[in-house]
Amino acid sequence: MRGGNGYHPQCGTVNRAAGSTIRINMTVMTPLETIEADDTVVACDGGNGPLGHPRVYLNMGDKGQIDCPYCGRHYVLKPGARPAGHGH
């Protein structure tokens, strides 16, 4: 598809009518590390002290896992742990 508007999966670009091209990063982020948690609510600050990120509280909900939107850490509920509010 040359010269027209649209996404080009071979090169990861989108052509726009004005002639400008937007590059799209299609890589999938791999978690830096996986952390097992005892509860479905976890606090993440990036773990690097002043080089980390603001502390955020993440709720795994019924899925039992969540990724931090800042640093990409992957939190999973420990095997055998019960989500908060489910009969502790």
PDB file of N, CA and C in Angstrom:
ATOM      1  N   MET A   1       0.842  -1.160   0.000  1.00  0.00           N
ATOM      2  CA  MET A   1       0.000   0.000   0.000  1.00  0.00           C
ATOM      3  C   MET A   1       0.895   1.232   0.000  1.00  0.00           C
ATOM      4  N   ARG A   2       1.165   1.769  -1.132  1.00  0.00           N
ATOM      5  CA  ARG A   2       2.044   2.932  -1.223  1.00  0.00           C
ATOM      6  C   ARG A   2       1.254   4.179  -1.540  1.00  0.00           C
ATOM      7  N   GLY A   3       1.681   5.274  -0.941  1.00  0.00           N
ATOM      8  CA  GLY A   3       1.106   6.560  -1.254  1.00  0.00           C
ATOM      9  C   GLY A   3      -0.253   6.828  -0.613  1.00  0.00           C
ATOM     10  N   GLY A   4      -0.880   5.829  -0.043  1.00  0.00           N
ATOM     11  CA  GLY A   4      -2.192   6.022   0.554  1.00  0.00           C
ATOM     12  C   GLY A   4      -2.112   6.113   2.061  1.00  0.00           C
ATOM     13  N   ASN A   5      -3.246   6.309   2.659  1.00  0.00           N
ATOM     14  CA  ASN A   5      -3.314   6.319   4.118  1.00  0.00           C
ATOM     15  C   ASN A   5      -3.435   4.888   4.600  1.00  0.00           C
ATOM     16  N   GLY A   6      -2.823   4.568   5.721  1.00  0.00           N
ATOM     17  CA  GLY A   6      -2.988   3.238   6.284  1.00  0.00           C
ATOM     18  C   GLY A   6      -1.751   2.755   7.006  1.00  0.00           C
ATOM     19  N   TYR A   7      -1.926   1.632   7.672  1.00  0.00           N
ATOM     20  CA  TYR A   7      -0.860   1.013   8.457  1.00  0.00           C
ATOM     21  C   TYR A   7      -0.090   0.036   7.583  1.00  0.00           C
ATOM     22  N   HIS A   8       1.226   0.068   7.708  1.00  0.00           N
ATOM     23  CA  HIS A   8       2.097  -0.828   6.951  1.00  0.00           C
ATOM     24  C   HIS A   8       2.785  -1.774   7.922  1.00  0.00           C
ATOM     25  N   PRO A   9       2.284  -3.007   8.082  1.00  0.00           N
ATOM     26  CA  PRO A   9       2.828  -3.916   9.089  1.00  0.00           C
ATOM     27  C   PRO A   9       4.278  -4.300   8.845  1.00  0.00           C
ATOM     28  N   GLN A  10       4.750  -4.262   7.606  1.00  0.00           N
ATOM     29  CA  GLN A  10       6.129  -4.652   7.328  1.00  0.00           C
ATOM     30  C   GLN A  10       7.131  -3.696   7.973  1.00  0.00           C
ATOM     31  N   CYS A  11       6.785  -2.402   8.005  1.00  0.00           N
ATOM     32  CA  CYS A  11       7.741  -1.435   8.551  1.00  0.00           C
ATOM     33  C   CYS A  11       7.227  -0.737   9.800  1.00  0.00           C
ATOM     34  N   GLY A  12       5.986  -1.032  10.205  1.00  0.00           N
ATOM     35  CA  GLY A  12       5.443  -0.448  11.434  1.00  0.00           C
ATOM     36  C   GLY A  12       5.170   1.036  11.324  1.00  0.00           C
ATOM     37  N   THR A  13       4.735   1.509  10.171  1.00  0.00           N
ATOM     38  CA  THR A  13       4.454   2.926  10.011  1.00  0.00           C
ATOM     39  C   THR A  13       3.017   3.150   9.582  1.00  0.00           C
ATOM     40  N   VAL A  14       2.556   4.366   9.814  1.00  0.00           N
ATOM     41  CA  VAL A  14       1.238   4.798   9.366  1.00  0.00           C
ATOM     42  C   VAL A  14       1.443   6.037   8.523  1.00  0.00           C
ATOM     43  N   ASN A  15       0.968   6.012   7.289  1.00  0.00           N
ATOM     44  CA  ASN A  15       1.023   7.202   6.446  1.00  0.00           C
ATOM     45  C   ASN A  15      -0.211   8.041   6.713  1.00  0.00           C
ATOM     46  N   ARG A  16      -0.016   9.350   6.717  1.00  0.00           N
ATOM     47  CA  ARG A  16      -1.129  10.268   6.933  1.00  0.00           C
ATOM     48  C   ARG A  16      -1.306  11.112   5.682  1.00  0.00           C
ATOM     49  N   ALA A  17      -2.482  11.661   5.509  1.00  0.00           N
ATOM     50  CA  ALA A  17      -2.818  12.426   4.309  1.00  0.00           C
ATOM     51  C   ALA A  17      -1.867  13.596   4.085  1.00  0.00           C
ATOM     52  N   ALA A  18      -1.386  14.223   5.142  1.00  0.00           N
ATOM     53  CA  ALA A  18      -0.508  15.384   5.001  1.00  0.00           C
ATOM     54  C   ALA A  18       0.897  14.993   4.565  1.00  0.00           C
ATOM     55  N   GLY A  19       1.142  13.720   4.400  1.00  0.00           N
ATOM     56  CA  GLY A  19       2.456  13.275   3.966  1.00  0.00           C
ATOM     57  C   GLY A  19       3.399  12.918   5.086  1.00  0.00           C
ATOM     58  N   SER A  20       3.022  13.184   6.342  1.00  0.00           N
ATOM     59  CA  SER A  20       3.883  12.815   7.463  1.00  0.00           C
ATOM     60  C   SER A  20       3.691  11.340   7.787  1.00  0.00           C
ATOM     61  N   THR A  21       4.692  10.730   8.365  1.00  0.00           N
ATOM     62  CA  THR A  21       4.653   9.320   8.722  1.00  0.00           C
ATOM     63  C   THR A  21       4.830   9.195  10.222  1.00  0.00           C
ATOM     64  N   ILE A  22       4.012   8.359  10.844  1.00  0.00           N
ATOM     65  CA  ILE A  22       4.125   8.075  12.280  1.00  0.00           C
ATOM     66  C   ILE A  22       4.702   6.679  12.421  1.00  0.00           C
ATOM     67  N   ARG A  23       5.757   6.538  13.211  1.00  0.00           N
ATOM     68  CA  ARG A  23       6.361   5.227  13.452  1.00  0.00           C
ATOM     69  C   ARG A  23       5.714   4.622  14.685  1.00  0.00           C
ATOM     70  N   ILE A  24       5.309   3.368  14.594  1.00  0.00           N
ATOM     71  CA  ILE A  24       4.660   2.679  15.698  1.00  0.00           C
ATOM     72  C   ILE A  24       5.590   1.587  16.214  1.00  0.00           C
ATOM     73  N   ASN A  25       5.828   1.595  17.521  1.00  0.00           N
ATOM     74  CA  ASN A  25       6.657   0.560  18.135  1.00  0.00           C
ATOM     75  C   ASN A  25       5.759  -0.630  18.442  1.00  0.00           C
ATOM     76  N   MET A  26       5.983  -1.741  17.761  1.00  0.00           N
ATOM     77  CA  MET A  26       5.130  -2.915  17.908  1.00  0.00           C
ATOM     78  C   MET A  26       5.725  -3.976  18.831  1.00  0.00           C
ATOM     79  N   THR A  27       6.781  -3.642  19.578  1.00  0.00           N
ATOM     80  CA  THR A  27       7.375  -4.637  20.456  1.00  0.00           C
ATOM     81  C   THR A  27       6.494  -4.865  21.681  1.00  0.00           C
ATOM     82  N   VAL A  28       6.526  -6.074  22.185  1.00  0.00           N
ATOM     83  CA  VAL A  28       5.780  -6.431  23.379  1.00  0.00           C
ATOM     84  C   VAL A  28       6.721  -6.325  24.561  1.00  0.00           C
ATOM     85  N   MET A  29       6.283  -5.613  25.598  1.00  0.00           N
ATOM     86  CA  MET A  29       7.134  -5.421  26.769  1.00  0.00           C
ATOM     87  C   MET A  29       7.173  -6.702  27.600  1.00  0.00           C
ATOM     88  N   THR A  30       8.357  -7.195  27.872  1.00  0.00           N
ATOM     89  CA  THR A  30       8.544  -8.358  28.722  1.00  0.00           C
ATOM     90  C   THR A  30       8.784  -7.858  30.144  1.00  0.00           C
ATOM     91  N   PRO A  31       8.081  -8.415  31.143  1.00  0.00           N
ATOM     92  CA  PRO A  31       8.289  -7.950  32.515  1.00  0.00           C
ATOM     93  C   PRO A  31       9.749  -8.068  32.934  1.00  0.00           C
ATOM     94  N   LEU A  32      10.232  -7.056  33.666  1.00  0.00           N
ATOM     95  CA  LEU A  32      11.591  -7.086  34.174  1.00  0.00           C
ATOM     96  C   LEU A  32      11.761  -8.195  35.196  1.00  0.00           C
ATOM     97  N   GLU A  33      10.747  -8.366  36.006  1.00  0.00           N
ATOM     98  CA  GLU A  33      10.787  -9.432  37.014  1.00  0.00           C
ATOM     99  C   GLU A  33       9.368  -9.777  37.427  1.00  0.00           C
ATOM    100  N   THR A  34       9.195 -10.973  37.931  1.00  0.00           N
ATOM    101  CA  THR A  34       7.901 -11.405  38.445  1.00  0.00           C
ATOM    102  C   THR A  34       8.009 -11.495  39.954  1.00  0.00           C
ATOM    103  N   ILE A  35       7.056 -10.889  40.644  1.00  0.00           N
ATOM    104  CA  ILE A  35       7.057 -10.869  42.105  1.00  0.00           C
ATOM    105  C   ILE A  35       5.794 -11.561  42.592  1.00  0.00           C
ATOM    106  N   GLU A  36       5.969 -12.551  43.469  1.00  0.00           N
ATOM    107  CA  GLU A  36       4.828 -13.245  44.064  1.00  0.00           C
ATOM    108  C   GLU A  36       4.357 -12.469  45.286  1.00  0.00           C
ATOM    109  N   ALA A  37       3.054 -12.292  45.398  1.00  0.00           N
ATOM    110  CA  ALA A  37       2.481 -11.504  46.484  1.00  0.00           C
ATOM    111  C   ALA A  37       1.502 -12.341  47.289  1.00  0.00           C
ATOM    112  N   ASP A  38       1.341 -11.975  48.567  1.00  0.00           N
ATOM    113  CA  ASP A  38       0.419 -12.667  49.466  1.00  0.00           C
ATOM    114  C   ASP A  38      -0.994 -12.109  49.381  1.00  0.00           C
ATOM    115  N   ASP A  39      -1.159 -10.939  48.771  1.00  0.00           N
ATOM    116  CA  ASP A  39      -2.447 -10.272  48.714  1.00  0.00           C
ATOM    117  C   ASP A  39      -2.685  -9.753  47.298  1.00  0.00           C
ATOM    118  N   THR A  40      -3.937  -9.477  46.970  1.00  0.00           N
ATOM    119  CA  THR A  40      -4.263  -9.004  45.623  1.00  0.00           C
ATOM    120  C   THR A  40      -3.959  -7.526  45.424  1.00  0.00           C
ATOM    121  N   VAL A  41      -3.708  -6.790  46.505  1.00  0.00           N
ATOM    122  CA  VAL A  41      -3.319  -5.387  46.400  1.00  0.00           C
ATOM    123  C   VAL A  41      -1.834  -5.282  46.733  1.00  0.00           C
ATOM    124  N   VAL A  42      -1.063  -4.720  45.808  1.00  0.00           N
ATOM    125  CA  VAL A  42       0.373  -4.575  46.003  1.00  0.00           C
ATOM    126  C   VAL A  42       0.780  -3.123  45.805  1.00  0.00           C
ATOM    127  N   ALA A  43       1.888  -2.733  46.424  1.00  0.00           N
ATOM    128  CA  ALA A  43       2.445  -1.394  46.251  1.00  0.00           C
ATOM    129  C   ALA A  43       3.741  -1.537  45.463  1.00  0.00           C
ATOM    130  N   CYS A  44       3.903  -0.718  44.437  1.00  0.00           N
ATOM    131  CA  CYS A  44       5.122  -0.759  43.638  1.00  0.00           C
ATOM    132  C   CYS A  44       5.717   0.643  43.555  1.00  0.00           C
ATOM    133  N   ASP A  45       7.042   0.722  43.792  1.00  0.00           N
ATOM    134  CA  ASP A  45       7.741   2.005  43.651  1.00  0.00           C
ATOM    135  C   ASP A  45       8.946   1.871  42.723  1.00  0.00           C
ATOM    136  N   GLY A  46       9.004   0.786  41.990  1.00  0.00           N
ATOM    137  CA  GLY A  46      10.111   0.576  41.057  1.00  0.00           C
ATOM    138  C   GLY A  46      11.313  -0.084  41.689  1.00  0.00           C
ATOM    139  N   GLY A  47      11.398  -0.056  43.017  1.00  0.00           N
ATOM    140  CA  GLY A  47      12.459  -0.749  43.724  1.00  0.00           C
ATOM    141  C   GLY A  47      13.852  -0.170  43.594  1.00  0.00           C
ATOM    142  N   ASN A  48      14.003   1.012  43.041  1.00  0.00           N
ATOM    143  CA  ASN A  48      15.339   1.572  42.866  1.00  0.00           C
ATOM    144  C   ASN A  48      15.556   2.830  43.687  1.00  0.00           C
ATOM    145  N   GLY A  49      14.894   2.932  44.819  1.00  0.00           N
ATOM    146  CA  GLY A  49      15.041   4.108  45.670  1.00  0.00           C
ATOM    147  C   GLY A  49      14.714   5.371  44.905  1.00  0.00           C
ATOM    148  N   PRO A  50      15.616   6.357  44.921  1.00  0.00           N
ATOM    149  CA  PRO A  50      15.326   7.614  44.228  1.00  0.00           C
ATOM    150  C   PRO A  50      15.250   7.465  42.704  1.00  0.00           C
ATOM    151  N   LEU A  51      15.728   6.357  42.175  1.00  0.00           N
ATOM    152  CA  LEU A  51      15.663   6.139  40.733  1.00  0.00           C
ATOM    153  C   LEU A  51      14.416   5.356  40.320  1.00  0.00           C
ATOM    154  N   GLY A  52      13.563   5.044  41.297  1.00  0.00           N
ATOM    155  CA  GLY A  52      12.341   4.299  41.012  1.00  0.00           C
ATOM    156  C   GLY A  52      11.264   5.207  40.434  1.00  0.00           C
ATOM    157  N   HIS A  53      10.021   4.985  40.854  1.00  0.00           N
ATOM    158  CA  HIS A  53       8.903   5.806  40.394  1.00  0.00           C
ATOM    159  C   HIS A  53       7.969   6.048  41.563  1.00  0.00           C
ATOM    160  N   PRO A  54       6.987   6.940  41.417  1.00  0.00           N
ATOM    161  CA  PRO A  54       6.049   7.166  42.521  1.00  0.00           C
ATOM    162  C   PRO A  54       5.380   5.864  42.930  1.00  0.00           C
ATOM    163  N   ARG A  55       5.137   5.712  44.226  1.00  0.00           N
ATOM    164  CA  ARG A  55       4.484   4.496  44.713  1.00  0.00           C
ATOM    165  C   ARG A  55       3.045   4.463  44.215  1.00  0.00           C
ATOM    166  N   VAL A  56       2.697   3.333  43.632  1.00  0.00           N
ATOM    167  CA  VAL A  56       1.331   3.114  43.161  1.00  0.00           C
ATOM    168  C   VAL A  56       0.807   1.832  43.788  1.00  0.00           C
ATOM    169  N   TYR A  57      -0.478   1.807  44.053  1.00  0.00           N
ATOM    170  CA  TYR A  57      -1.123   0.618  44.592  1.00  0.00           C
ATOM    171  C   TYR A  57      -1.900  -0.033  43.460  1.00  0.00           C
ATOM    172  N   LEU A  58      -1.616  -1.292  43.234  1.00  0.00           N
ATOM    173  CA  LEU A  58      -2.196  -2.027  42.113  1.00  0.00           C
ATOM    174  C   LEU A  58      -3.091  -3.132  42.642  1.00  0.00           C
ATOM    175  N   ASN A  59      -4.261  -3.282  42.073  1.00  0.00           N
ATOM    176  CA  ASN A  59      -5.224  -4.292  42.501  1.00  0.00           C
ATOM    177  C   ASN A  59      -5.319  -5.380  41.431  1.00  0.00           C
ATOM    178  N   MET A  60      -4.935  -6.593  41.784  1.00  0.00           N
ATOM    179  CA  MET A  60      -4.970  -7.710  40.850  1.00  0.00           C
ATOM    180  C   MET A  60      -6.386  -8.155  40.516  1.00  0.00           C
ATOM    181  N   GLY A  61      -7.328  -7.831  41.405  1.00  0.00           N
ATOM    182  CA  GLY A  61      -8.704  -8.261  41.189  1.00  0.00           C
ATOM    183  C   GLY A  61      -8.804  -9.774  41.152  1.00  0.00           C
ATOM    184  N   ASP A  62      -9.725 -10.280  40.355  1.00  0.00           N
ATOM    185  CA  ASP A  62      -9.941 -11.721  40.255  1.00  0.00           C
ATOM    186  C   ASP A  62      -8.909 -12.415  39.369  1.00  0.00           C
ATOM    187  N   LYS A  63      -8.140 -11.645  38.629  1.00  0.00           N
ATOM    188  CA  LYS A  63      -7.159 -12.236  37.712  1.00  0.00           C
ATOM    189  C   LYS A  63      -5.968 -12.847  38.445  1.00  0.00           C
ATOM    190  N   GLY A  64      -5.640 -12.290  39.625  1.00  0.00           N
ATOM    191  CA  GLY A  64      -4.513 -12.812  40.382  1.00  0.00           C
ATOM    192  C   GLY A  64      -3.165 -12.405  39.811  1.00  0.00           C
ATOM    193  N   GLN A  65      -3.155 -11.400  38.957  1.00  0.00           N
ATOM    194  CA  GLN A  65      -1.892 -10.885  38.423  1.00  0.00           C
ATOM    195  C   GLN A  65      -2.115  -9.489  37.865  1.00  0.00           C
ATOM    196  N   ILE A  66      -1.028  -8.705  37.823  1.00  0.00           N
ATOM    197  CA  ILE A  66      -1.091  -7.355  37.280  1.00  0.00           C
ATOM    198  C   ILE A  66       0.323  -6.886  36.961  1.00  0.00           C
ATOM    199  N   ASP A  67       0.448  -6.007  35.985  1.00  0.00           N
ATOM    200  CA  ASP A  67       1.731  -5.401  35.629  1.00  0.00           C
ATOM    201  C   ASP A  67       1.733  -3.952  36.072  1.00  0.00           C
ATOM    202  N   CYS A  68       2.856  -3.478  36.583  1.00  0.00           N
ATOM    203  CA  CYS A  68       2.994  -2.082  36.964  1.00  0.00           C
ATOM    204  C   CYS A  68       3.079  -1.232  35.687  1.00  0.00           C
ATOM    205  N   PRO A  69       2.248  -0.199  35.580  1.00  0.00           N
ATOM    206  CA  PRO A  69       2.284   0.627  34.380  1.00  0.00           C
ATOM    207  C   PRO A  69       3.538   1.489  34.268  1.00  0.00           C
ATOM    208  N   TYR A  70       4.269   1.690  35.380  1.00  0.00           N
ATOM    209  CA  TYR A  70       5.485   2.486  35.348  1.00  0.00           C
ATOM    210  C   TYR A  70       6.707   1.667  34.938  1.00  0.00           C
ATOM    211  N   CYS A  71       6.938   0.568  35.645  1.00  0.00           N
ATOM    212  CA  CYS A  71       8.204  -0.158  35.463  1.00  0.00           C
ATOM    213  C   CYS A  71       8.050  -1.523  34.809  1.00  0.00           C
ATOM    214  N   GLY A  72       6.818  -2.008  34.682  1.00  0.00           N
ATOM    215  CA  GLY A  72       6.598  -3.284  34.027  1.00  0.00           C
ATOM    216  C   GLY A  72       6.761  -4.504  34.913  1.00  0.00           C
ATOM    217  N   ARG A  73       7.021  -4.302  36.196  1.00  0.00           N
ATOM    218  CA  ARG A  73       7.090  -5.469  37.088  1.00  0.00           C
ATOM    219  C   ARG A  73       5.786  -6.237  37.018  1.00  0.00           C
ATOM    220  N   HIS A  74       5.893  -7.559  37.045  1.00  0.00           N
ATOM    221  CA  HIS A  74       4.720  -8.419  36.953  1.00  0.00           C
ATOM    222  C   HIS A  74       4.471  -9.011  38.335  1.00  0.00           C
ATOM    223  N   TYR A  75       3.302  -8.727  38.903  1.00  0.00           N
ATOM    224  CA  TYR A  75       2.925  -9.247  40.215  1.00  0.00           C
ATOM    225  C   TYR A  75       1.921 -10.372  40.026  1.00  0.00           C
ATOM    226  N   VAL A  76       2.156 -11.483  40.729  1.00  0.00           N
ATOM    227  CA  VAL A  76       1.227 -12.612  40.696  1.00  0.00           C
ATOM    228  C   VAL A  76       0.910 -13.021  42.133  1.00  0.00           C
ATOM    229  N   LEU A  77      -0.292 -13.513  42.319  1.00  0.00           N
ATOM    230  CA  LEU A  77      -0.701 -14.003  43.631  1.00  0.00           C
ATOM    231  C   LEU A  77      -0.016 -15.342  43.883  1.00  0.00           C
ATOM    232  N   LYS A  78       0.596 -15.491  45.063  1.00  0.00           N
ATOM    233  CA  LYS A  78       1.291 -16.732  45.391  1.00  0.00           C
ATOM    234  C   LYS A  78       0.332 -17.913  45.325  1.00  0.00           C
ATOM    235  N   PRO A  79       0.836 -19.064  44.890  1.00  0.00           N
ATOM    236  CA  PRO A  79      -0.013 -20.259  44.895  1.00  0.00           C
ATOM    237  C   PRO A  79      -0.524 -20.525  46.326  1.00  0.00           C
ATOM    238  N   GLY A  80      -1.805 -20.797  46.436  1.00  0.00           N
ATOM    239  CA  GLY A  80      -2.395 -21.070  47.742  1.00  0.00           C
ATOM    240  C   GLY A  80      -2.869 -19.832  48.487  1.00  0.00           C
ATOM    241  N   ALA A  81      -2.428 -18.644  48.078  1.00  0.00           N
ATOM    242  CA  ALA A  81      -2.884 -17.414  48.729  1.00  0.00           C
ATOM    243  C   ALA A  81      -4.321 -17.131  48.284  1.00  0.00           C
ATOM    244  N   ARG A  82      -5.077 -16.569  49.199  1.00  0.00           N
ATOM    245  CA  ARG A  82      -6.460 -16.247  48.868  1.00  0.00           C
ATOM    246  C   ARG A  82      -6.592 -14.738  48.657  1.00  0.00           C
ATOM    247  N   PRO A  83      -7.276 -14.350  47.611  1.00  0.00           N
ATOM    248  CA  PRO A  83      -7.488 -12.917  47.398  1.00  0.00           C
ATOM    249  C   PRO A  83      -8.177 -12.287  48.592  1.00  0.00           C
ATOM    250  N   ALA A  84      -7.870 -11.028  48.881  1.00  0.00           N
ATOM    251  CA  ALA A  84      -8.484 -10.309  50.002  1.00  0.00           C
ATOM    252  C   ALA A  84     -10.002 -10.357  49.882  1.00  0.00           C
ATOM    253  N   GLY A  85     -10.677 -10.597  51.013  1.00  0.00           N
ATOM    254  CA  GLY A  85     -12.134 -10.635  51.028  1.00  0.00           C
ATOM    255  C   GLY A  85     -12.723 -11.966  50.613  1.00  0.00           C
ATOM    256  N   HIS A  86     -11.891 -12.993  50.452  1.00  0.00           N
ATOM    257  CA  HIS A  86     -12.397 -14.304  50.038  1.00  0.00           C
ATOM    258  C   HIS A  86     -12.139 -15.359  51.131  1.00  0.00           C
ATOM    259  N   GLY A  87     -12.476 -15.019  52.353  1.00  0.00           N
ATOM    260  CA  GLY A  87     -12.423 -16.011  53.443  1.00  0.00           C
ATOM    261  C   GLY A  87     -11.066 -16.201  54.065  1.00  0.00           C
ATOM    262  N   HIS A  88     -10.321 -15.140  54.321  1.00  0.00           N
ATOM    263  CA  HIS A  88      -9.032 -15.257  55.034  1.00  0.00           C
ATOM    264  C   HIS A  88      -9.229 -15.849  56.391  1.00  0.00           C
TER     265      HIS A  88
END
